[in-house]
């Protein structure tokens, strides 16, 4: 690891006033993709519709690759595990909603220049794998251990620093039973697709996507805090470039509406007919269970309670909701906001920071209610 070749990576910056999406952001947007919001109707997101963010290249892993996961560092018994070894261990399947920490970034003013997400960087899947705590228990971390570092096979340069993608969890979070992190090898009952980390990835329920290291090849236990780029430079909540900032961790509450009616191709304005319109969507939080969803049809001026879907027992997955609105001719702005059991509620104004992280401001969906054509 170290500094990359000169000129290959630019510093983090904010877009100038009235600066549109640049070619660098467009290049990121064509590599990564969000969930089409109409796909919120799926309890489980099909892998091809689930959001994807890849920092560098997707590693090519042929079927006959002898992939090995190493677990070492400050442990009594270092491990080297093949895929067959991992599949022979007790398996757990957990339904988890993943959301990118930068979801909503492109809606901020001023706009941090990076992957220009609107609100679609989310998806829900069932991940199958081995509980991380079981692997750590077999390796036996030293009593002085504090952090567990996860290294992926994706390699690149970011802000001038050449690096493998690496993130860490505090030892307590890595050993926790609720939420229970997984070393996953399957998604929705099938082997991981390449873009989702084939053949192994980390899944950390309740945490933003940057913690779910894909193409996982090494786990290292440290007795000092991890200070890698993705931990201490990127993914920090900062107002000013020189401050240390707070780490990005758990997912803030969010509700999204399935856009009703049908869309205009370019503006994406939705068109509905007068009369009853069922509004539906999903809500989630990585901090505490969602207990309330409210809907506004006048841009946040007034709010009504939505009806939650029945509990499913999947604590770390989104929850459905619905509300019937009587549409009248004219233009309307629909909003939804979620509140969780910890009292965290989505804000009406942007929670701004230089990285554009954890922006869970309420969604706004423009709707035109038009009379039926004769």
Protein backbone atom coordinates (compact mmCIF):
# COMPACT_ATOMS: atom_id res chain seq x y z
CA UNK A 1 0.00 0.00 0.00
CA UNK A 2 1.10 3.59 -0.46
CA UNK A 3 0.90 6.58 -2.72
CA UNK A 4 -0.25 5.94 -6.26
CA UNK A 5 1.23 7.25 -9.50
CA UNK A 6 1.05 11.04 -9.81
CA UNK A 7 -2.06 12.40 -11.45
CA UNK A 8 -4.12 9.22 -11.27
CA UNK A 9 -6.50 10.32 -8.57
CA UNK A 10 -7.86 13.72 -7.63
CA UNK A 11 -8.54 15.02 -4.12
CA UNK A 12 -12.06 15.00 -2.71
CA UNK A 13 -13.95 18.15 -3.66
CA UNK A 14 -17.34 19.83 -3.72
CA UNK A 15 -19.05 20.76 -6.96
CA UNK A 16 -19.05 24.44 -7.82
CA UNK A 17 -22.40 26.27 -7.75
CA UNK A 18 -24.50 25.22 -10.75
CA UNK A 19 -21.88 22.63 -11.78
CA UNK A 20 -23.57 19.72 -13.49
CA UNK A 21 -22.64 16.05 -13.28
CA UNK A 22 -19.17 15.69 -14.81
CA UNK A 23 -17.71 12.95 -17.00
CA UNK A 24 -15.90 11.45 -14.01
CA UNK A 25 -19.17 11.11 -12.09
CA UNK A 26 -20.94 9.82 -15.19
CA UNK A 27 -18.23 7.17 -15.59
CA UNK A 28 -18.90 6.02 -12.02
CA UNK A 29 -22.65 6.05 -12.59
CA UNK A 30 -22.35 3.78 -15.63
CA UNK A 31 -20.28 1.24 -13.66
CA UNK A 32 -22.51 1.21 -10.60
CA UNK A 33 -26.27 1.02 -10.52
CA UNK A 34 -29.17 1.52 -8.15
CA UNK A 35 -32.44 -0.29 -7.57
CA UNK A 36 -35.25 0.72 -9.96
CA UNK A 37 -37.74 1.99 -7.41
CA UNK A 38 -40.60 -0.07 -8.85
CA UNK A 39 -38.55 -3.12 -7.72
CA UNK A 40 -39.24 -2.15 -4.10
CA UNK A 41 -42.30 -4.38 -4.54
CA UNK A 42 -40.03 -7.45 -4.25
CA UNK A 43 -39.56 -8.71 -0.70
CA UNK A 44 -36.22 -10.08 -1.89
CA UNK A 45 -34.38 -8.06 -4.52
CA UNK A 46 -33.28 -10.14 -7.54
CA UNK A 47 -29.46 -9.92 -7.71
CA UNK A 48 -29.50 -8.09 -11.03
CA UNK A 49 -31.71 -5.34 -9.57
CA UNK A 50 -29.91 -5.02 -6.23
CA UNK A 51 -27.76 -1.90 -6.00
CA UNK A 52 -24.06 -2.27 -6.80
CA UNK A 53 -21.10 -0.08 -5.85
CA UNK A 54 -17.61 -1.25 -6.80
CA UNK A 55 -14.68 0.98 -5.87
CA UNK A 56 -12.19 -0.56 -8.32
CA UNK A 57 -12.52 -3.51 -10.76
CA UNK A 58 -14.69 -6.58 -10.23
CA UNK A 59 -12.11 -9.36 -9.73
CA UNK A 60 -12.33 -12.18 -12.24
CA UNK A 61 -12.70 -15.48 -10.36
CA UNK A 62 -13.02 -18.52 -12.69
CA UNK A 63 -15.01 -21.53 -11.49
CA UNK A 64 -11.89 -23.62 -10.90
CA UNK A 65 -10.15 -20.99 -8.73
CA UNK A 66 -8.76 -22.47 -5.50
CA UNK A 67 -9.92 -19.55 -3.36
CA UNK A 68 -8.59 -19.44 0.18
CA UNK A 69 -9.57 -17.25 3.10
CA UNK A 70 -6.83 -16.61 5.64
CA UNK A 71 -7.50 -15.57 9.23
CA UNK A 72 -4.43 -14.47 11.17
CA UNK A 73 -2.76 -11.67 13.05
CA UNK A 74 -3.14 -11.56 16.83
CA UNK A 75 -4.69 -15.03 17.14
CA UNK A 76 -3.57 -18.26 18.78
CA UNK A 77 -4.50 -20.49 15.81
CA UNK A 78 -4.18 -18.97 12.32
CA UNK A 79 -6.61 -20.45 9.81
CA UNK A 80 -6.56 -21.07 6.07
CA UNK A 81 -10.00 -22.04 4.79
CA UNK A 82 -11.10 -23.24 1.36
CA UNK A 83 -14.62 -22.76 0.06
CA UNK A 84 -15.29 -26.43 0.80
CA UNK A 85 -14.13 -25.89 4.39
CA UNK A 86 -16.52 -22.99 4.83
CA UNK A 87 -19.47 -24.84 3.29
CA UNK A 88 -18.87 -27.77 5.65
CA UNK A 89 -19.46 -25.52 8.69
CA UNK A 90 -22.89 -24.72 10.17
CA UNK A 91 -24.64 -22.29 7.80
CA UNK A 92 -26.86 -19.32 8.66
CA UNK A 93 -29.18 -17.45 6.30
CA UNK A 94 -30.09 -13.86 7.16
CA UNK A 95 -32.29 -11.41 5.28
CA UNK A 96 -30.49 -8.07 5.21
CA UNK A 97 -31.18 -4.68 3.65
CA UNK A 98 -27.97 -3.13 2.32
CA UNK A 99 -27.72 0.57 1.61
CA UNK A 100 -24.77 2.54 0.26
CA UNK A 101 -23.47 5.14 2.70
CA UNK A 102 -23.54 7.68 -0.15
CA UNK A 103 -27.21 7.14 -0.99
CA UNK A 104 -28.73 10.57 -1.61
CA UNK A 105 -25.39 12.29 -2.27
CA UNK A 106 -26.42 13.83 -5.60
CA UNK A 107 -29.32 15.62 -3.89
CA UNK A 108 -27.03 17.62 -1.60
CA UNK A 109 -26.12 21.28 -2.05
CA UNK A 110 -23.22 21.79 -2.46
CA UNK A 111 -22.78 18.35 -4.03
CA UNK A 112 -19.80 16.21 -3.02
CA UNK A 113 -18.23 14.96 -6.25
CA UNK A 114 -18.35 11.14 -6.21
CA UNK A 115 -20.77 8.37 -7.21
CA UNK A 116 -23.91 10.49 -7.86
CA UNK A 117 -26.60 8.50 -6.09
CA UNK A 118 -30.17 9.76 -5.87
CA UNK A 119 -32.11 7.43 -3.50
CA UNK A 120 -31.85 4.07 -5.28
CA UNK A 121 -28.67 2.64 -3.68
CA UNK A 122 -30.40 -0.09 -1.71
CA UNK A 123 -31.51 -3.71 -1.95
CA UNK A 124 -32.55 -6.64 0.22
CA UNK A 125 -31.27 -10.19 -0.11
CA UNK A 126 -30.93 -13.40 1.86
CA UNK A 127 -27.27 -14.08 2.52
CA UNK A 128 -26.04 -17.54 3.47
CA UNK A 129 -22.70 -18.23 5.09
CA UNK A 130 -20.73 -18.91 8.25
CA UNK A 131 -21.06 -16.67 11.31
CA UNK A 132 -17.88 -14.64 11.61
CA UNK A 133 -17.85 -15.17 15.38
CA UNK A 134 -17.43 -18.94 14.90
CA UNK A 135 -14.33 -18.47 12.75
CA UNK A 136 -12.88 -16.00 15.24
CA UNK A 137 -13.62 -18.34 18.13
CA UNK A 138 -11.68 -21.11 16.39
CA UNK A 139 -8.76 -18.78 15.75
CA UNK A 140 -8.85 -17.46 19.36
CA UNK A 141 -8.02 -13.72 19.28
CA UNK A 142 -5.45 -12.47 21.77
CA UNK A 143 -6.74 -10.72 24.88
CA UNK A 144 -5.17 -7.51 23.55
CA UNK A 145 -7.10 -7.61 20.24
CA UNK A 146 -9.16 -4.52 19.38
CA UNK A 147 -9.92 -4.54 15.63
CA UNK A 148 -10.63 -7.13 12.94
CA UNK A 149 -9.51 -6.08 9.44
CA UNK A 150 -11.10 -7.44 6.25
CA UNK A 151 -9.25 -7.34 2.93
CA UNK A 152 -10.87 -7.79 -0.48
CA UNK A 153 -9.25 -8.79 -3.74
CA UNK A 154 -10.19 -5.51 -5.44
CA UNK A 155 -7.19 -3.20 -5.88
CA UNK A 156 -6.90 0.37 -7.10
CA UNK A 157 -5.94 3.98 -6.43
CA UNK A 158 -8.10 6.43 -4.50
CA UNK A 159 -7.13 10.04 -3.82
CA UNK A 160 -3.56 9.13 -4.73
CA UNK A 161 -3.34 6.09 -2.43
CA UNK A 162 -2.77 2.65 -4.02
CA UNK A 163 -4.61 0.07 -1.93
CA UNK A 164 -6.57 -3.10 -1.58
CA UNK A 165 -10.08 -2.38 -0.38
CA UNK A 166 -9.97 -2.83 3.41
CA UNK A 167 -12.33 -2.12 6.28
CA UNK A 168 -12.38 -3.12 9.93
CA UNK A 169 -14.87 -3.83 12.69
CA UNK A 170 -14.27 -3.48 16.41
CA UNK A 171 -13.68 -6.91 17.90
CA UNK A 172 -16.93 -6.67 19.87
CA UNK A 173 -18.95 -6.08 16.69
CA UNK A 174 -17.17 -8.93 14.90
CA UNK A 175 -18.01 -11.34 17.75
CA UNK A 176 -21.60 -10.15 18.27
CA UNK A 177 -24.56 -12.47 17.97
CA UNK A 178 -27.04 -9.63 17.27
CA UNK A 179 -26.42 -8.48 14.67
CA UNK A 180 -24.37 -11.46 13.56
CA UNK A 181 -21.84 -10.81 10.81
CA UNK A 182 -21.49 -13.51 8.15
CA UNK A 183 -18.77 -14.69 5.81
CA UNK A 184 -21.28 -15.25 3.00
CA UNK A 185 -20.98 -17.47 -0.07
CA UNK A 186 -24.59 -17.38 -1.34
CA UNK A 187 -27.18 -14.72 -2.22
CA UNK A 188 -30.86 -15.59 -2.46
CA UNK A 189 -29.99 -19.29 -2.44
CA UNK A 190 -27.43 -19.21 -5.26
CA UNK A 191 -23.64 -18.67 -5.35
CA UNK A 192 -22.65 -15.02 -5.11
CA UNK A 193 -22.72 -13.25 -8.50
CA UNK A 194 -19.41 -11.63 -9.50
CA UNK A 195 -20.61 -8.08 -8.79
CA UNK A 196 -21.77 -9.08 -5.32
CA UNK A 197 -18.43 -10.50 -4.16
CA UNK A 198 -18.03 -13.97 -5.64
CA UNK A 199 -16.91 -16.20 -4.08
CA UNK A 200 -16.93 -14.70 -0.53
CA UNK A 201 -18.04 -11.47 1.06
CA UNK A 202 -18.64 -10.04 4.49
CA UNK A 203 -22.22 -9.19 5.50
CA UNK A 204 -22.70 -6.95 8.55
CA UNK A 205 -26.44 -6.45 9.21
CA UNK A 206 -27.41 -2.89 10.09
CA UNK A 207 -24.21 -1.28 8.76
CA UNK A 208 -23.87 0.77 5.60
CA UNK A 209 -22.50 -1.03 2.54
CA UNK A 210 -18.87 0.05 2.91
CA UNK A 211 -18.52 -2.46 5.80
CA UNK A 212 -19.64 -5.45 3.68
CA UNK A 213 -16.25 -6.22 2.11
CA UNK A 214 -16.58 -8.15 -1.16
CA UNK A 215 -14.18 -10.71 -2.71
CA UNK A 216 -13.00 -11.40 0.84
CA UNK A 217 -9.58 -13.06 0.99
CA UNK A 218 -8.09 -12.17 4.39
CA UNK A 219 -9.16 -11.45 7.94
CA UNK A 220 -6.54 -10.04 10.30
CA UNK A 221 -6.95 -9.45 14.02
CA UNK A 222 -5.04 -6.42 15.32
CA UNK A 223 -4.15 -5.18 18.79
CA UNK A 224 -4.06 -1.59 17.49
CA UNK A 225 -6.86 0.38 15.80
CA UNK A 226 -6.93 -0.01 12.02
CA UNK A 227 -5.98 3.22 10.24
CA UNK A 228 -6.43 2.25 6.58
CA UNK A 229 -7.73 4.68 3.96
CA UNK A 230 -11.34 3.46 3.88
CA UNK A 231 -11.51 3.65 7.66
CA UNK A 232 -9.84 6.93 8.61
CA UNK A 233 -9.82 9.00 5.40
CA UNK A 234 -12.95 7.93 3.53
CA UNK A 235 -16.31 7.22 5.18
CA UNK A 236 -16.09 9.94 7.83
CA UNK A 237 -18.74 12.57 8.60
CA UNK A 238 -16.94 15.91 8.26
CA UNK A 239 -18.07 19.48 7.83
CA UNK A 240 -14.54 20.74 7.06
CA UNK A 241 -11.69 18.94 5.26
CA UNK A 242 -9.23 19.21 8.15
CA UNK A 243 -11.34 17.66 10.89
CA UNK A 244 -11.10 14.03 11.98
CA UNK A 245 -14.85 13.51 11.73
CA UNK A 246 -17.10 10.77 12.99
CA UNK A 247 -17.04 7.28 11.45
CA UNK A 248 -19.90 6.13 9.24
CA UNK A 249 -21.43 3.00 10.80
CA UNK A 250 -25.13 2.13 11.19
CA UNK A 251 -27.84 2.83 8.61
CA UNK A 252 -30.06 5.81 9.40
CA UNK A 253 -33.83 5.29 9.03
CA UNK A 254 -35.32 5.75 5.58
CA UNK A 255 -38.64 5.16 3.82
CA UNK A 256 -39.02 5.00 0.05
CA UNK A 257 -42.17 5.16 -2.05
CA UNK A 258 -42.81 2.91 -5.02
CA UNK A 259 -43.50 5.61 -7.64
CA UNK A 260 -47.24 5.41 -8.40
CA UNK A 261 -48.88 5.52 -11.81
CA UNK A 262 -46.60 5.75 -14.85
CA UNK A 263 -43.63 7.98 -15.65
CA UNK A 264 -42.68 10.68 -18.09
CA UNK A 265 -39.54 9.35 -19.80
CA UNK A 266 -37.15 12.25 -19.15
CA UNK A 267 -38.47 14.12 -16.11
CA UNK A 268 -39.62 10.94 -14.32
CA UNK A 269 -42.70 12.86 -13.17
CA UNK A 270 -45.37 10.33 -12.28
CA UNK A 271 -48.85 10.48 -13.81
CA UNK A 272 -51.93 9.14 -12.01
CA UNK A 273 -55.67 9.37 -12.56
CA UNK A 274 -58.13 10.97 -10.10
CA UNK A 275 -59.49 8.77 -7.36
CA UNK A 276 -58.03 6.29 -4.86
CA UNK A 277 -54.31 5.59 -5.36
CA UNK A 278 -52.55 3.04 -3.18
CA UNK A 279 -49.15 4.35 -2.14
CA UNK A 280 -46.73 1.66 -1.02
CA UNK A 281 -43.08 1.31 -0.19
CA UNK A 282 -40.42 0.03 2.18
CA UNK A 283 -38.82 1.37 5.33
CA UNK A 284 -35.72 0.30 7.25
CA UNK A 285 -33.16 1.33 9.86
CA UNK A 286 -29.89 -0.19 11.01
CA UNK A 287 -30.24 1.39 14.43
CA UNK A 288 -33.57 0.01 15.70
CA UNK A 289 -36.73 -1.54 14.18
CA UNK A 290 -38.96 0.81 12.20
CA UNK A 291 -42.09 1.53 14.22
CA UNK A 292 -43.80 4.25 12.19
CA UNK A 293 -44.09 5.46 8.60
CA UNK A 294 -45.84 8.70 7.66
CA UNK A 295 -46.91 9.89 4.22
CA UNK A 296 -47.41 13.41 2.90
CA UNK A 297 -49.12 14.30 -0.38
CA UNK A 298 -48.42 18.04 -0.14
CA UNK A 299 -44.64 18.15 0.00
CA UNK A 300 -44.38 17.70 3.76
CA UNK A 301 -47.00 20.24 4.83
CA UNK A 302 -49.24 17.62 6.44
CA UNK A 303 -48.69 13.98 7.32
CA UNK A 304 -50.82 10.84 7.63
CA UNK A 305 -50.02 7.48 9.18
CA UNK A 306 -49.23 4.64 6.79
CA UNK A 307 -50.27 1.07 7.52
CA UNK A 308 -47.26 -1.18 8.17
CA UNK A 309 -47.03 -4.64 6.67
CA UNK A 310 -47.17 -7.53 9.16
CA UNK A 311 -43.95 -8.31 10.99
CA UNK A 312 -41.90 -10.95 9.19
CA UNK A 313 -39.31 -11.71 11.85
CA UNK A 314 -36.51 -10.40 9.65
CA UNK A 315 -35.05 -7.76 11.95
CA UNK A 316 -32.38 -6.55 9.54
CA UNK A 317 -34.57 -6.30 6.44
CA UNK A 318 -36.89 -3.59 5.22
CA UNK A 319 -40.59 -3.56 6.13
CA UNK A 320 -43.44 -2.84 3.75
CA UNK A 321 -46.11 -0.20 4.26
CA UNK A 322 -49.10 1.22 2.36
CA UNK A 323 -51.49 4.19 2.41
CA UNK A 324 -54.51 5.05 0.23
CA UNK A 325 -54.54 8.57 -1.20
CA UNK A 326 -57.48 10.16 -3.01
CA UNK A 327 -55.83 11.96 -5.90
CA UNK A 328 -57.37 15.12 -7.36
CA UNK A 329 -56.32 16.87 -10.58
CA UNK A 330 -53.19 18.94 -10.27
CA UNK A 331 -49.54 18.62 -9.31
CA UNK A 332 -48.54 17.00 -6.03
CA UNK A 333 -45.34 16.12 -4.18
CA UNK A 334 -45.40 12.84 -2.28
CA UNK A 335 -43.10 12.22 0.69
CA UNK A 336 -42.57 9.40 3.18
CA UNK A 337 -40.61 9.33 6.42
CA UNK A 338 -39.68 6.54 8.81
CA UNK A 339 -39.20 6.54 12.57
CA UNK A 340 -37.47 3.71 14.42
CA UNK A 341 -37.82 2.36 17.95
CA UNK A 342 -34.88 4.46 19.08
CA UNK A 343 -36.74 7.65 18.19
CA UNK A 344 -34.65 8.39 15.08
CA UNK A 345 -36.75 10.10 12.40
CA UNK A 346 -35.91 11.18 8.87
CA UNK A 347 -35.25 14.91 8.58
CA UNK A 348 -37.03 17.29 6.22
CA UNK A 349 -33.79 19.15 5.52
CA UNK A 350 -30.52 17.70 4.27
CA UNK A 351 -28.01 16.44 6.89
CA UNK A 352 -25.00 17.79 4.96
CA UNK A 353 -21.40 16.57 5.19
CA UNK A 354 -18.43 16.73 2.82
CA UNK A 355 -18.61 13.07 1.83
CA UNK A 356 -22.35 13.05 1.20
CA UNK A 357 -22.85 10.17 3.63
CA UNK A 358 -25.99 9.09 5.53
CA UNK A 359 -28.21 11.64 3.78
CA UNK A 360 -31.61 10.27 4.76
CA UNK A 361 -33.66 13.39 4.02
CA UNK A 362 -37.24 12.48 3.07
CA UNK A 363 -37.87 11.40 -0.50
CA UNK A 364 -39.89 13.70 -2.79
CA UNK A 365 -41.86 12.21 -5.70
CA UNK A 366 -43.49 14.63 -8.14
CA UNK A 367 -46.90 13.47 -9.34
CA UNK A 368 -49.29 14.90 -11.92
CA UNK A 369 -52.89 13.84 -11.49
CA UNK A 370 -54.51 14.11 -14.92
CA UNK A 371 -58.11 13.58 -16.01
CA UNK A 372 -58.86 10.50 -18.07
CA UNK A 373 -58.54 11.06 -21.80
CA UNK A 374 -61.90 11.14 -23.61
